[in-house]
Amino acid sequence: MKIEYLQANWICYSQDDWLRKMVIGTCLNVCSGMSKIGDERIDIAEKTNRTLEGDLFKLNYVPRSFDTVICDPPYSYYNRFKWALKLSDIANSRLILASGLLSPRLPKRNWKRELWYDNSHRSPTGGRRIMLKLWWVFNRLNYPLKA
């Protein structure tokens, strides 16, 4: 078994500023919550900054319809990863996934991945920093840009 080592990068400023910097071209933000990043922002909850109501498990986009796809799903979704494969079909050049301790996998022949750490998360009550959040950035190899 081959061991894979990843060089991790720290997010040294606000998560929103970092995400804006990471977006390439058009952007779909799934499970967007209160984020204002993305040309289209999808969330199932009403009291969010979504532009469209939608469910991560019922997306109807053609392959490569957005240059960048961002997803920060509830941690309970990490017990199955088929949704990550669907998002990778929608992403033309970059897929950005937030996760806890799990590592989502995409086919290496199509994607190069980077790992970013963010320790700026606070408790829901606004208290002290409570967790280290991982962001997986997948860059499509040899991607042709949309016309």
C-alpha atoms as a PDB file:
ATOM      1  CA  MET A   1       0.000   0.000   0.000  1.00  0.00           C
ATOM      2  CA  LYS A   2       1.405   3.371  -1.037  1.00  0.00           C
ATOM      3  CA  ILE A   3       1.258   6.148   1.558  1.00  0.00           C
ATOM      4  CA  GLU A   4       0.296   9.538   0.190  1.00  0.00           C
ATOM      5  CA  TYR A   5       1.611  12.696   1.815  1.00  0.00           C
ATOM      6  CA  LEU A   6      -0.050  16.057   1.325  1.00  0.00           C
ATOM      7  CA  GLN A   7       1.463  19.427   2.081  1.00  0.00           C
ATOM      8  CA  ALA A   8      -1.184  21.274   4.073  1.00  0.00           C
ATOM      9  CA  ASN A   9      -1.714  25.006   3.781  1.00  0.00           C
ATOM     10  CA  TRP A  10      -3.079  27.328   6.471  1.00  0.00           C
ATOM     11  CA  ILE A  11      -5.871  29.790   5.780  1.00  0.00           C
ATOM     12  CA  CYS A  12      -4.406  32.928   7.331  1.00  0.00           C
ATOM     13  CA  TYR A  13      -7.358  35.273   6.891  1.00  0.00           C
ATOM     14  CA  SER A  14     -11.142  35.021   6.943  1.00  0.00           C
ATOM     15  CA  GLN A  15     -12.707  31.939   5.411  1.00  0.00           C
ATOM     16  CA  ASP A  16     -14.930  34.068   3.135  1.00  0.00           C
ATOM     17  CA  ASP A  17     -11.958  36.042   1.802  1.00  0.00           C
ATOM     18  CA  TRP A  18     -10.088  32.796   1.191  1.00  0.00           C
ATOM     19  CA  LEU A  19     -13.057  31.232  -0.627  1.00  0.00           C
ATOM     20  CA  ARG A  20     -13.469  34.331  -2.834  1.00  0.00           C
ATOM     21  CA  LYS A  21      -9.789  34.095  -3.745  1.00  0.00           C
ATOM     22  CA  MET A  22     -10.120  30.373  -4.577  1.00  0.00           C
ATOM     23  CA  VAL A  23     -13.085  30.766  -6.943  1.00  0.00           C
ATOM     24  CA  ILE A  24     -12.278  30.452 -10.644  1.00  0.00           C
ATOM     25  CA  GLY A  25     -14.921  31.840 -13.042  1.00  0.00           C
ATOM     26  CA  THR A  26     -18.570  30.999 -12.393  1.00  0.00           C
ATOM     27  CA  CYS A  27     -19.397  29.486  -9.025  1.00  0.00           C
ATOM     28  CA  LEU A  28     -22.067  27.201  -7.565  1.00  0.00           C
ATOM     29  CA  ASN A  29     -22.206  27.089  -3.757  1.00  0.00           C
ATOM     30  CA  VAL A  30     -24.151  24.076  -2.452  1.00  0.00           C
ATOM     31  CA  CYS A  31     -25.240  23.945   1.208  1.00  0.00           C
ATOM     32  CA  SER A  32     -24.382  27.642   1.144  1.00  0.00           C
ATOM     33  CA  GLY A  33     -25.967  28.633   4.448  1.00  0.00           C
ATOM     34  CA  MET A  34     -25.282  32.307   5.153  1.00  0.00           C
ATOM     35  CA  SER A  35     -22.456  32.565   2.621  1.00  0.00           C
ATOM     36  CA  LYS A  36     -22.784  35.183  -0.116  1.00  0.00           C
ATOM     37  CA  ILE A  37     -20.145  33.531  -2.292  1.00  0.00           C
ATOM     38  CA  GLY A  38     -21.308  32.051  -5.579  1.00  0.00           C
ATOM     39  CA  ASP A  39     -23.294  33.026  -8.642  1.00  0.00           C
ATOM     40  CA  GLU A  40     -25.871  30.466  -7.529  1.00  0.00           C
ATOM     41  CA  ARG A  41     -26.222  29.522  -3.877  1.00  0.00           C
ATOM     42  CA  ILE A  42     -28.294  26.469  -3.024  1.00  0.00           C
ATOM     43  CA  ASP A  43     -29.569  25.475   0.386  1.00  0.00           C
ATOM     44  CA  ILE A  44     -32.515  23.497   1.680  1.00  0.00           C
ATOM     45  CA  ALA A  45     -33.078  25.842   4.646  1.00  0.00           C
ATOM     46  CA  GLU A  46     -35.174  29.005   4.246  1.00  0.00           C
ATOM     47  CA  LYS A  47     -33.278  31.401   6.505  1.00  0.00           C
ATOM     48  CA  THR A  48     -30.070  31.461   4.475  1.00  0.00           C
ATOM     49  CA  ASN A  49     -28.527  33.589   1.743  1.00  0.00           C
ATOM     50  CA  ARG A  50     -29.510  31.064  -0.903  1.00  0.00           C
ATOM     51  CA  THR A  51     -30.515  32.175  -4.372  1.00  0.00           C
ATOM     52  CA  LEU A  52     -32.263  28.845  -5.059  1.00  0.00           C
ATOM     53  CA  GLU A  53     -33.925  26.258  -2.874  1.00  0.00           C
ATOM     54  CA  GLY A  54     -32.314  22.906  -3.469  1.00  0.00           C
ATOM     55  CA  ASP A  55     -31.087  19.649  -2.044  1.00  0.00           C
ATOM     56  CA  LEU A  56     -27.514  18.393  -2.355  1.00  0.00           C
ATOM     57  CA  PHE A  57     -28.840  14.946  -3.264  1.00  0.00           C
ATOM     58  CA  LYS A  58     -31.172  16.209  -6.033  1.00  0.00           C
ATOM     59  CA  LEU A  59     -29.054  18.566  -8.149  1.00  0.00           C
ATOM     60  CA  ASN A  60     -29.989  18.846 -11.824  1.00  0.00           C
ATOM     61  CA  TYR A  61     -27.037  20.492 -13.545  1.00  0.00           C
ATOM     62  CA  VAL A  62     -25.314  19.370 -16.708  1.00  0.00           C
ATOM     63  CA  PRO A  63     -21.676  18.273 -16.387  1.00  0.00           C
ATOM     64  CA  ARG A  64     -19.144  21.093 -16.101  1.00  0.00           C
ATOM     65  CA  SER A  65     -21.804  23.799 -15.890  1.00  0.00           C
ATOM     66  CA  PHE A  66     -19.841  25.850 -13.301  1.00  0.00           C
ATOM     67  CA  ASP A  67     -16.126  26.568 -13.238  1.00  0.00           C
ATOM     68  CA  THR A  68     -15.991  26.262  -9.439  1.00  0.00           C
ATOM     69  CA  VAL A  69     -18.261  24.312  -7.094  1.00  0.00           C
ATOM     70  CA  ILE A  70     -18.140  24.877  -3.318  1.00  0.00           C
ATOM     71  CA  CYS A  71     -19.840  22.638  -0.766  1.00  0.00           C
ATOM     72  CA  ASP A  72     -19.825  22.889   3.027  1.00  0.00           C
ATOM     73  CA  PRO A  73     -22.381  20.212   3.949  1.00  0.00           C
ATOM     74  CA  PRO A  74     -23.625  19.180   7.378  1.00  0.00           C
ATOM     75  CA  TYR A  75     -21.163  16.705   8.879  1.00  0.00           C
ATOM     76  CA  SER A  76     -23.843  14.008   8.954  1.00  0.00           C
ATOM     77  CA  TYR A  77     -23.532  13.828   5.133  1.00  0.00           C
ATOM     78  CA  TYR A  78     -20.018  12.427   5.415  1.00  0.00           C
ATOM     79  CA  ASN A  79     -21.267   8.902   5.999  1.00  0.00           C
ATOM     80  CA  ARG A  80     -21.686   8.614   2.212  1.00  0.00           C
ATOM     81  CA  PHE A  81     -19.804  10.392  -0.551  1.00  0.00           C
ATOM     82  CA  LYS A  82     -21.744   9.851  -3.771  1.00  0.00           C
ATOM     83  CA  TRP A  83     -22.764  13.505  -3.609  1.00  0.00           C
ATOM     84  CA  ALA A  84     -19.089  14.501  -3.940  1.00  0.00           C
ATOM     85  CA  LEU A  85     -18.856  12.610  -7.225  1.00  0.00           C
ATOM     86  CA  LYS A  86     -21.958  14.400  -8.509  1.00  0.00           C
ATOM     87  CA  LEU A  87     -20.430  17.766  -7.570  1.00  0.00           C
ATOM     88  CA  SER A  88     -17.199  16.804  -9.342  1.00  0.00           C
ATOM     89  CA  ASP A  89     -19.246  16.274 -12.528  1.00  0.00           C
ATOM     90  CA  ILE A  90     -20.716  19.786 -12.227  1.00  0.00           C
ATOM     91  CA  ALA A  91     -17.305  21.422 -11.625  1.00  0.00           C
ATOM     92  CA  ASN A  92     -15.390  22.380 -14.760  1.00  0.00           C
ATOM     93  CA  SER A  93     -12.103  23.318 -13.116  1.00  0.00           C
ATOM     94  CA  ARG A  94     -12.256  23.378  -9.295  1.00  0.00           C
ATOM     95  CA  LEU A  95     -14.205  21.650  -6.528  1.00  0.00           C
ATOM     96  CA  ILE A  96     -13.885  22.925  -2.953  1.00  0.00           C
ATOM     97  CA  LEU A  97     -15.226  20.676  -0.173  1.00  0.00           C
ATOM     98  CA  ALA A  98     -15.289  21.346   3.553  1.00  0.00           C
ATOM     99  CA  SER A  99     -14.893  18.335   5.792  1.00  0.00           C
ATOM    100  CA  GLY A 100     -14.175  17.192   9.266  1.00  0.00           C
ATOM    101  CA  LEU A 101     -11.600  14.461   9.659  1.00  0.00           C
ATOM    102  CA  LEU A 102     -12.626  12.499   6.586  1.00  0.00           C
ATOM    103  CA  SER A 103     -10.862  12.711   3.256  1.00  0.00           C
ATOM    104  CA  PRO A 104     -13.126  12.708   0.216  1.00  0.00           C
ATOM    105  CA  ARG A 105     -11.575  10.933  -2.765  1.00  0.00           C
ATOM    106  CA  LEU A 106     -11.937  11.671  -6.449  1.00  0.00           C
ATOM    107  CA  PRO A 107     -10.239   9.790  -9.287  1.00  0.00           C
ATOM    108  CA  LYS A 108      -6.545  10.821  -9.379  1.00  0.00           C
ATOM    109  CA  ARG A 109      -6.498  10.651 -13.156  1.00  0.00           C
ATOM    110  CA  ASN A 110      -8.884  13.631 -13.253  1.00  0.00           C
ATOM    111  CA  TRP A 111      -8.106  15.627 -10.111  1.00  0.00           C
ATOM    112  CA  LYS A 112      -5.169  16.993  -8.163  1.00  0.00           C
ATOM    113  CA  ARG A 113      -6.028  17.759  -4.547  1.00  0.00           C
ATOM    114  CA  GLU A 114      -4.780  20.251  -1.995  1.00  0.00           C
ATOM    115  CA  LEU A 115      -5.511  20.379   1.702  1.00  0.00           C
ATOM    116  CA  TRP A 116      -6.159  23.643   3.559  1.00  0.00           C
ATOM    117  CA  TYR A 117      -6.624  24.137   7.320  1.00  0.00           C
ATOM    118  CA  ASP A 118      -8.890  26.757   8.864  1.00  0.00           C
ATOM    119  CA  ASN A 119      -8.907  27.226  12.630  1.00  0.00           C
ATOM    120  CA  SER A 120     -11.066  30.360  12.675  1.00  0.00           C
ATOM    121  CA  HIS A 121     -14.351  28.585  13.490  1.00  0.00           C
ATOM    122  CA  ARG A 122     -16.143  29.609  16.644  1.00  0.00           C
ATOM    123  CA  SER A 123     -18.832  27.903  18.650  1.00  0.00           C
ATOM    124  CA  PRO A 124     -22.459  28.552  17.570  1.00  0.00           C
ATOM    125  CA  THR A 125     -22.826  30.873  20.582  1.00  0.00           C
ATOM    126  CA  GLY A 126     -19.915  33.033  19.408  1.00  0.00           C
ATOM    127  CA  GLY A 127     -17.488  31.771  22.018  1.00  0.00           C
ATOM    128  CA  ARG A 128     -13.905  30.636  21.657  1.00  0.00           C
ATOM    129  CA  ARG A 129     -12.481  28.824  18.658  1.00  0.00           C
ATOM    130  CA  ILE A 130     -13.527  25.225  18.865  1.00  0.00           C
ATOM    131  CA  MET A 131     -12.487  23.305  15.798  1.00  0.00           C
ATOM    132  CA  LEU A 132     -10.088  22.853  12.962  1.00  0.00           C
ATOM    133  CA  LYS A 133     -11.928  22.772   9.652  1.00  0.00           C
ATOM    134  CA  LEU A 134     -10.425  21.076   6.621  1.00  0.00           C
ATOM    135  CA  TRP A 135     -11.002  22.326   3.085  1.00  0.00           C
ATOM    136  CA  TRP A 136     -10.205  19.987   0.213  1.00  0.00           C
ATOM    137  CA  VAL A 137      -9.491  21.778  -3.055  1.00  0.00           C
ATOM    138  CA  PHE A 138      -9.631  19.575  -6.136  1.00  0.00           C
ATOM    139  CA  ASN A 139      -8.263  21.015  -9.370  1.00  0.00           C
ATOM    140  CA  ARG A 140      -9.287  19.283 -12.570  1.00  0.00           C
ATOM    141  CA  LEU A 141      -6.294  18.109 -14.570  1.00  0.00           C
ATOM    142  CA  ASN A 142      -6.151  19.260 -18.198  1.00  0.00           C
ATOM    143  CA  TYR A 143      -9.543  20.894 -17.995  1.00  0.00           C
ATOM    144  CA  PRO A 144     -10.826  22.662 -21.083  1.00  0.00           C
ATOM    145  CA  LEU A 145     -12.540  25.893 -20.121  1.00  0.00           C
ATOM    146  CA  LYS A 146     -16.177  26.253 -21.088  1.00  0.00           C
ATOM    147  CA  ALA A 147     -16.840  28.133 -24.315  1.00  0.00           C
END
